[in-house]
């Protein structure tokens, strides 16, 4: 889970998701079971530690481009 307002606060990009979105600021990973949250298994912890071992280089321009807000003036 990430900080929903991190991009608005100008925090640095942290990770790119598979769908192209960017997580800004700190985040944490949780397991899910249906609609409930759960702790990660040892295997999941090991996998995520490997996946997130190296930081990603994400520019502020990329973070700002991923804010996803559209304003309509009437």
PDB file of N, CA and C in Angstrom:
ATOM      1  N   UNK A   1       0.849  -1.168   0.000  1.00  0.00           N
ATOM      2  CA  UNK A   1       0.000   0.000   0.000  1.00  0.00           C
ATOM      3  C   UNK A   1       0.895   1.231   0.000  1.00  0.00           C
ATOM      4  N   UNK A   2       0.454   2.258  -0.677  1.00  0.00           N
ATOM      5  CA  UNK A   2       1.253   3.461  -0.771  1.00  0.00           C
ATOM      6  C   UNK A   2       0.561   4.666  -0.153  1.00  0.00           C
ATOM      7  N   UNK A   3       1.277   5.762  -0.120  1.00  0.00           N
ATOM      8  CA  UNK A   3       0.767   7.020   0.384  1.00  0.00           C
ATOM      9  C   UNK A   3       0.023   7.722  -0.749  1.00  0.00           C
ATOM     10  N   UNK A   4      -1.299   7.807  -0.652  1.00  0.00           N
ATOM     11  CA  UNK A   4      -2.110   8.366  -1.737  1.00  0.00           C
ATOM     12  C   UNK A   4      -1.769   9.812  -2.069  1.00  0.00           C
ATOM     13  N   UNK A   5      -1.284  10.578  -1.102  1.00  0.00           N
ATOM     14  CA  UNK A   5      -0.988  11.984  -1.379  1.00  0.00           C
ATOM     15  C   UNK A   5       0.494  12.238  -1.591  1.00  0.00           C
ATOM     16  N   UNK A   6       1.310  11.210  -1.667  1.00  0.00           N
ATOM     17  CA  UNK A   6       2.761  11.375  -1.815  1.00  0.00           C
ATOM     18  C   UNK A   6       3.124  12.158  -3.072  1.00  0.00           C
ATOM     19  N   UNK A   7       2.438  11.911  -4.164  1.00  0.00           N
ATOM     20  CA  UNK A   7       2.724  12.631  -5.413  1.00  0.00           C
ATOM     21  C   UNK A   7       2.387  14.105  -5.278  1.00  0.00           C
ATOM     22  N   UNK A   8       1.273  14.411  -4.622  1.00  0.00           N
ATOM     23  CA  UNK A   8       0.881  15.803  -4.419  1.00  0.00           C
ATOM     24  C   UNK A   8       1.851  16.520  -3.486  1.00  0.00           C
ATOM     25  N   UNK A   9       2.456  15.765  -2.572  1.00  0.00           N
ATOM     26  CA  UNK A   9       3.414  16.345  -1.628  1.00  0.00           C
ATOM     27  C   UNK A   9       4.809  16.477  -2.234  1.00  0.00           C
ATOM     28  N   UNK A  10       4.981  16.006  -3.480  1.00  0.00           N
ATOM     29  CA  UNK A  10       6.277  16.127  -4.156  1.00  0.00           C
ATOM     30  C   UNK A  10       7.300  15.080  -3.762  1.00  0.00           C
ATOM     31  N   UNK A  11       6.842  13.967  -3.179  1.00  0.00           N
ATOM     32  CA  UNK A  11       7.776  12.902  -2.807  1.00  0.00           C
ATOM     33  C   UNK A  11       8.347  12.240  -4.059  1.00  0.00           C
ATOM     34  N   UNK A  12       9.529  11.698  -3.909  1.00  0.00           N
ATOM     35  CA  UNK A  12      10.209  11.045  -5.031  1.00  0.00           C
ATOM     36  C   UNK A  12       9.511   9.745  -5.414  1.00  0.00           C
ATOM     37  N   UNK A  13       9.639   9.405  -6.694  1.00  0.00           N
ATOM     38  CA  UNK A  13       9.124   8.122  -7.164  1.00  0.00           C
ATOM     39  C   UNK A  13       9.895   6.987  -6.512  1.00  0.00           C
ATOM     40  N   UNK A  14       9.196   5.929  -6.178  1.00  0.00           N
ATOM     41  CA  UNK A  14       9.816   4.808  -5.498  1.00  0.00           C
ATOM     42  C   UNK A  14       9.854   3.568  -6.388  1.00  0.00           C
ATOM     43  N   UNK A  15       8.705   3.215  -6.992  1.00  0.00           N
ATOM     44  CA  UNK A  15       8.602   2.002  -7.815  1.00  0.00           C
ATOM     45  C   UNK A  15       7.634   2.214  -8.954  1.00  0.00           C
ATOM     46  N   UNK A  16       7.935   1.534 -10.064  1.00  0.00           N
ATOM     47  CA  UNK A  16       6.986   1.442 -11.177  1.00  0.00           C
ATOM     48  C   UNK A  16       6.224   0.135 -11.017  1.00  0.00           C
ATOM     49  N   UNK A  17       4.921   0.202 -11.175  1.00  0.00           N
ATOM     50  CA  UNK A  17       4.099  -1.001 -11.116  1.00  0.00           C
ATOM     51  C   UNK A  17       3.982  -1.600 -12.506  1.00  0.00           C
ATOM     52  N   UNK A  18       3.532  -2.841 -12.576  1.00  0.00           N
ATOM     53  CA  UNK A  18       3.399  -3.533 -13.857  1.00  0.00           C
ATOM     54  C   UNK A  18       2.473  -2.811 -14.825  1.00  0.00           C
ATOM     55  N   UNK A  19       1.485  -2.078 -14.299  1.00  0.00           N
ATOM     56  CA  UNK A  19       0.538  -1.369 -15.166  1.00  0.00           C
ATOM     57  C   UNK A  19       1.055   0.003 -15.602  1.00  0.00           C
ATOM     58  N   UNK A  20       2.292   0.348 -15.225  1.00  0.00           N
ATOM     59  CA  UNK A  20       2.892   1.618 -15.625  1.00  0.00           C
ATOM     60  C   UNK A  20       2.742   2.727 -14.605  1.00  0.00           C
ATOM     61  N   UNK A  21       1.904   2.519 -13.593  1.00  0.00           N
ATOM     62  CA  UNK A  21       1.743   3.526 -12.544  1.00  0.00           C
ATOM     63  C   UNK A  21       3.012   3.609 -11.703  1.00  0.00           C
ATOM     64  N   UNK A  22       3.159   4.728 -11.008  1.00  0.00           N
ATOM     65  CA  UNK A  22       4.322   4.939 -10.159  1.00  0.00           C
ATOM     66  C   UNK A  22       3.870   5.115  -8.716  1.00  0.00           C
ATOM     67  N   UNK A  23       4.555   4.444  -7.801  1.00  0.00           N
ATOM     68  CA  UNK A  23       4.350   4.660  -6.376  1.00  0.00           C
ATOM     69  C   UNK A  23       5.369   5.705  -5.950  1.00  0.00           C
ATOM     70  N   UNK A  24       4.917   6.761  -5.297  1.00  0.00           N
ATOM     71  CA  UNK A  24       5.815   7.780  -4.766  1.00  0.00           C
ATOM     72  C   UNK A  24       5.854   7.656  -3.251  1.00  0.00           C
ATOM     73  N   UNK A  25       7.003   7.964  -2.679  1.00  0.00           N
ATOM     74  CA  UNK A  25       7.157   7.909  -1.232  1.00  0.00           C
ATOM     75  C   UNK A  25       7.238   6.486  -0.721  1.00  0.00           C
ATOM     76  N   UNK A  26       7.253   6.337   0.604  1.00  0.00           N
ATOM     77  CA  UNK A  26       7.354   4.998   1.186  1.00  0.00           C
ATOM     78  C   UNK A  26       6.080   4.189   0.942  1.00  0.00           C
ATOM     79  N   UNK A  27       6.236   2.884   0.941  1.00  0.00           N
ATOM     80  CA  UNK A  27       5.089   1.992   0.778  1.00  0.00           C
ATOM     81  C   UNK A  27       5.368   0.695   1.520  1.00  0.00           C
ATOM     82  N   UNK A  28       4.338  -0.103   1.717  1.00  0.00           N
ATOM     83  CA  UNK A  28       4.529  -1.419   2.319  1.00  0.00           C
ATOM     84  C   UNK A  28       3.718  -2.445   1.547  1.00  0.00           C
ATOM     85  N   UNK A  29       4.124  -3.687   1.671  1.00  0.00           N
ATOM     86  CA  UNK A  29       3.492  -4.791   0.944  1.00  0.00           C
ATOM     87  C   UNK A  29       2.752  -5.663   1.957  1.00  0.00           C
ATOM     88  N   UNK A  30       1.522  -6.009   1.619  1.00  0.00           N
ATOM     89  CA  UNK A  30       0.721  -6.870   2.471  1.00  0.00           C
ATOM     90  C   UNK A  30       0.167  -8.030   1.655  1.00  0.00           C
ATOM     91  N   UNK A  31      -0.196  -9.081   2.329  1.00  0.00           N
ATOM     92  CA  UNK A  31      -0.868 -10.192   1.678  1.00  0.00           C
ATOM     93  C   UNK A  31      -2.374  -9.985   1.750  1.00  0.00           C
ATOM     94  N   UNK A  32      -3.082 -10.636   0.859  1.00  0.00           N
ATOM     95  CA  UNK A  32      -4.539 -10.562   0.896  1.00  0.00           C
ATOM     96  C   UNK A  32      -5.117 -11.964   0.913  1.00  0.00           C
ATOM     97  N   UNK A  33      -6.259 -12.056   1.547  1.00  0.00           N
ATOM     98  CA  UNK A  33      -7.025 -13.292   1.590  1.00  0.00           C
ATOM     99  C   UNK A  33      -8.472 -12.892   1.380  1.00  0.00           C
ATOM    100  N   UNK A  34      -8.925 -12.980   0.149  1.00  0.00           N
ATOM    101  CA  UNK A  34     -10.268 -12.486  -0.151  1.00  0.00           C
ATOM    102  C   UNK A  34     -10.290 -10.987   0.018  1.00  0.00           C
ATOM    103  N   UNK A  35     -11.135 -10.511   0.916  1.00  0.00           N
ATOM    104  CA  UNK A  35     -11.221  -9.073   1.179  1.00  0.00           C
ATOM    105  C   UNK A  35     -10.460  -8.664   2.433  1.00  0.00           C
ATOM    106  N   UNK A  36      -9.710  -9.575   3.014  1.00  0.00           N
ATOM    107  CA  UNK A  36      -8.969  -9.301   4.252  1.00  0.00           C
ATOM    108  C   UNK A  36      -7.473  -9.206   3.984  1.00  0.00           C
ATOM    109  N   UNK A  37      -6.781  -8.451   4.826  1.00  0.00           N
ATOM    110  CA  UNK A  37      -5.333  -8.361   4.760  1.00  0.00           C
ATOM    111  C   UNK A  37      -4.730  -9.419   5.673  1.00  0.00           C
ATOM    112  N   UNK A  38      -3.504  -9.817   5.364  1.00  0.00           N
ATOM    113  CA  UNK A  38      -2.798 -10.790   6.192  1.00  0.00           C
ATOM    114  C   UNK A  38      -1.308 -10.512   6.124  1.00  0.00           C
ATOM    115  N   UNK A  39      -0.569 -11.100   7.050  1.00  0.00           N
ATOM    116  CA  UNK A  39       0.891 -11.008   7.012  1.00  0.00           C
ATOM    117  C   UNK A  39       1.413 -11.790   5.824  1.00  0.00           C
ATOM    118  N   UNK A  40       2.592 -11.419   5.362  1.00  0.00           N
ATOM    119  CA  UNK A  40       3.224 -12.158   4.272  1.00  0.00           C
ATOM    120  C   UNK A  40       3.789 -13.474   4.790  1.00  0.00           C
ATOM    121  N   UNK A  41       3.788 -14.474   3.930  1.00  0.00           N
ATOM    122  CA  UNK A  41       4.449 -15.733   4.268  1.00  0.00           C
ATOM    123  C   UNK A  41       5.959 -15.530   4.159  1.00  0.00           C
ATOM    124  N   UNK A  42       6.730 -16.433   4.707  1.00  0.00           N
ATOM    125  CA  UNK A  42       8.195 -16.348   4.597  1.00  0.00           C
ATOM    126  C   UNK A  42       8.629 -16.333   3.130  1.00  0.00           C
ATOM    127  N   UNK A  43       7.969 -17.146   2.298  1.00  0.00           N
ATOM    128  CA  UNK A  43       8.303 -17.193   0.868  1.00  0.00           C
ATOM    129  C   UNK A  43       8.005 -15.850   0.201  1.00  0.00           C
ATOM    130  N   UNK A  44       6.883 -15.228   0.555  1.00  0.00           N
ATOM    131  CA  UNK A  44       6.541 -13.918  -0.014  1.00  0.00           C
ATOM    132  C   UNK A  44       7.537 -12.849   0.435  1.00  0.00           C
ATOM    133  N   UNK A  45       7.918 -12.883   1.703  1.00  0.00           N
ATOM    134  CA  UNK A  45       8.907 -11.924   2.204  1.00  0.00           C
ATOM    135  C   UNK A  45      10.198 -12.051   1.412  1.00  0.00           C
ATOM    136  N   UNK A  46      10.662 -13.260   1.224  1.00  0.00           N
ATOM    137  CA  UNK A  46      11.898 -13.504   0.474  1.00  0.00           C
ATOM    138  C   UNK A  46      11.775 -12.988  -0.965  1.00  0.00           C
ATOM    139  N   UNK A  47      10.647 -13.271  -1.609  1.00  0.00           N
ATOM    140  CA  UNK A  47      10.431 -12.840  -2.999  1.00  0.00           C
ATOM    141  C   UNK A  47      10.401 -11.321  -3.111  1.00  0.00           C
ATOM    142  N   UNK A  48       9.695 -10.644  -2.196  1.00  0.00           N
ATOM    143  CA  UNK A  48       9.620  -9.178  -2.265  1.00  0.00           C
ATOM    144  C   UNK A  48      10.948  -8.529  -1.904  1.00  0.00           C
ATOM    145  N   UNK A  49      11.693  -9.116  -0.979  1.00  0.00           N
ATOM    146  CA  UNK A  49      13.024  -8.578  -0.671  1.00  0.00           C
ATOM    147  C   UNK A  49      13.921  -8.628  -1.902  1.00  0.00           C
ATOM    148  N   UNK A  50      13.817  -9.697  -2.663  1.00  0.00           N
ATOM    149  CA  UNK A  50      14.596  -9.796  -3.902  1.00  0.00           C
ATOM    150  C   UNK A  50      14.086  -8.810  -4.943  1.00  0.00           C
ATOM    151  N   UNK A  51      12.771  -8.720  -5.093  1.00  0.00           N
ATOM    152  CA  UNK A  51      12.163  -7.848  -6.109  1.00  0.00           C
ATOM    153  C   UNK A  51      12.511  -6.381  -5.863  1.00  0.00           C
ATOM    154  N   UNK A  52      12.544  -5.970  -4.604  1.00  0.00           N
ATOM    155  CA  UNK A  52      12.751  -4.560  -4.280  1.00  0.00           C
ATOM    156  C   UNK A  52      14.154  -4.272  -3.751  1.00  0.00           C
ATOM    157  N   UNK A  53      15.096  -5.160  -3.979  1.00  0.00           N
ATOM    158  CA  UNK A  53      16.453  -4.991  -3.470  1.00  0.00           C
ATOM    159  C   UNK A  53      17.160  -3.781  -4.076  1.00  0.00           C
ATOM    160  N   UNK A  54      16.948  -3.521  -5.346  1.00  0.00           N
ATOM    161  CA  UNK A  54      17.612  -2.419  -6.040  1.00  0.00           C
ATOM    162  C   UNK A  54      16.637  -1.263  -6.249  1.00  0.00           C
ATOM    163  N   UNK A  55      17.044  -0.037  -5.901  1.00  0.00           N
ATOM    164  CA  UNK A  55      16.161   1.115  -6.145  1.00  0.00           C
ATOM    165  C   UNK A  55      15.980   1.380  -7.633  1.00  0.00           C
ATOM    166  N   UNK A  56      14.857   1.972  -7.982  1.00  0.00           N
ATOM    167  CA  UNK A  56      14.595   2.358  -9.367  1.00  0.00           C
ATOM    168  C   UNK A  56      14.812   3.862  -9.505  1.00  0.00           C
ATOM    169  N   UNK A  57      15.315   4.273 -10.657  1.00  0.00           N
ATOM    170  CA  UNK A  57      15.505   5.683 -10.954  1.00  0.00           C
ATOM    171  C   UNK A  57      14.238   6.209 -11.619  1.00  0.00           C
ATOM    172  N   UNK A  58      13.543   7.111 -10.937  1.00  0.00           N
ATOM    173  CA  UNK A  58      12.294   7.678 -11.440  1.00  0.00           C
ATOM    174  C   UNK A  58      12.381   9.194 -11.283  1.00  0.00           C
ATOM    175  N   UNK A  59      12.229   9.909 -12.369  1.00  0.00           N
ATOM    176  CA  UNK A  59      12.334  11.373 -12.319  1.00  0.00           C
ATOM    177  C   UNK A  59      11.061  11.999 -11.757  1.00  0.00           C
ATOM    178  N   UNK A  60      11.184  13.216 -11.246  1.00  0.00           N
ATOM    179  CA  UNK A  60      10.009  13.947 -10.765  1.00  0.00           C
ATOM    180  C   UNK A  60       9.031  14.196 -11.900  1.00  0.00           C
ATOM    181  N   UNK A  61       9.544  14.368 -13.105  1.00  0.00           N
ATOM    182  CA  UNK A  61       8.670  14.566 -14.266  1.00  0.00           C
ATOM    183  C   UNK A  61       7.773  13.343 -14.470  1.00  0.00           C
ATOM    184  N   UNK A  62       8.355  12.133 -14.323  1.00  0.00           N
ATOM    185  CA  UNK A  62       7.560  10.904 -14.457  1.00  0.00           C
ATOM    186  C   UNK A  62       6.503  10.821 -13.365  1.00  0.00           C
ATOM    187  N   UNK A  63       6.881  11.188 -12.150  1.00  0.00           N
ATOM    188  CA  UNK A  63       5.928  11.150 -11.033  1.00  0.00           C
ATOM    189  C   UNK A  63       4.775  12.109 -11.304  1.00  0.00           C
ATOM    190  N   UNK A  64       5.090  13.324 -11.709  1.00  0.00           N
ATOM    191  CA  UNK A  64       4.059  14.322 -11.973  1.00  0.00           C
ATOM    192  C   UNK A  64       3.149  13.899 -13.127  1.00  0.00           C
ATOM    193  N   UNK A  65       3.714  13.245 -14.128  1.00  0.00           N
ATOM    194  CA  UNK A  65       2.918  12.788 -15.273  1.00  0.00           C
ATOM    195  C   UNK A  65       1.950  11.677 -14.888  1.00  0.00           C
ATOM    196  N   UNK A  66       2.224  11.000 -13.776  1.00  0.00           N
ATOM    197  CA  UNK A  66       1.387   9.882 -13.341  1.00  0.00           C
ATOM    198  C   UNK A  66       0.369  10.287 -12.275  1.00  0.00           C
ATOM    199  N   UNK A  67       0.160  11.562 -12.090  1.00  0.00           N
ATOM    200  CA  UNK A  67      -0.780  11.994 -11.046  1.00  0.00           C
ATOM    201  C   UNK A  67      -2.206  11.609 -11.361  1.00  0.00           C
ATOM    202  N   UNK A  68      -2.591  11.577 -12.619  1.00  0.00           N
ATOM    203  CA  UNK A  68      -3.895  11.052 -13.000  1.00  0.00           C
ATOM    204  C   UNK A  68      -5.084  11.942 -12.726  1.00  0.00           C
ATOM    205  N   UNK A  69      -4.885  13.228 -12.574  1.00  0.00           N
ATOM    206  CA  UNK A  69      -6.018  14.116 -12.362  1.00  0.00           C
ATOM    207  C   UNK A  69      -6.385  14.809 -13.666  1.00  0.00           C
ATOM    208  N   UNK A  70      -7.661  14.938 -13.904  1.00  0.00           N
ATOM    209  CA  UNK A  70      -8.159  15.690 -15.057  1.00  0.00           C
ATOM    210  C   UNK A  70      -9.158  16.715 -14.519  1.00  0.00           C
ATOM    211  N   UNK A  71      -8.965  17.957 -14.910  1.00  0.00           N
ATOM    212  CA  UNK A  71      -9.856  19.022 -14.458  1.00  0.00           C
ATOM    213  C   UNK A  71     -10.746  19.471 -15.599  1.00  0.00           C
ATOM    214  N   UNK A  72     -12.007  19.642 -15.307  1.00  0.00           N
ATOM    215  CA  UNK A  72     -12.970  20.121 -16.294  1.00  0.00           C
ATOM    216  C   UNK A  72     -13.513  21.448 -15.792  1.00  0.00           C
ATOM    217  N   UNK A  73     -13.507  22.459 -16.635  1.00  0.00           N
ATOM    218  CA  UNK A  73     -14.054  23.776 -16.269  1.00  0.00           C
ATOM    219  C   UNK A  73     -15.359  23.989 -17.025  1.00  0.00           C
ATOM    220  N   UNK A  74     -16.384  24.370 -16.310  1.00  0.00           N
ATOM    221  CA  UNK A  74     -17.700  24.603 -16.910  1.00  0.00           C
ATOM    222  C   UNK A  74     -18.062  26.055 -16.787  1.00  0.00           C
TER     223      UNK A  74
END
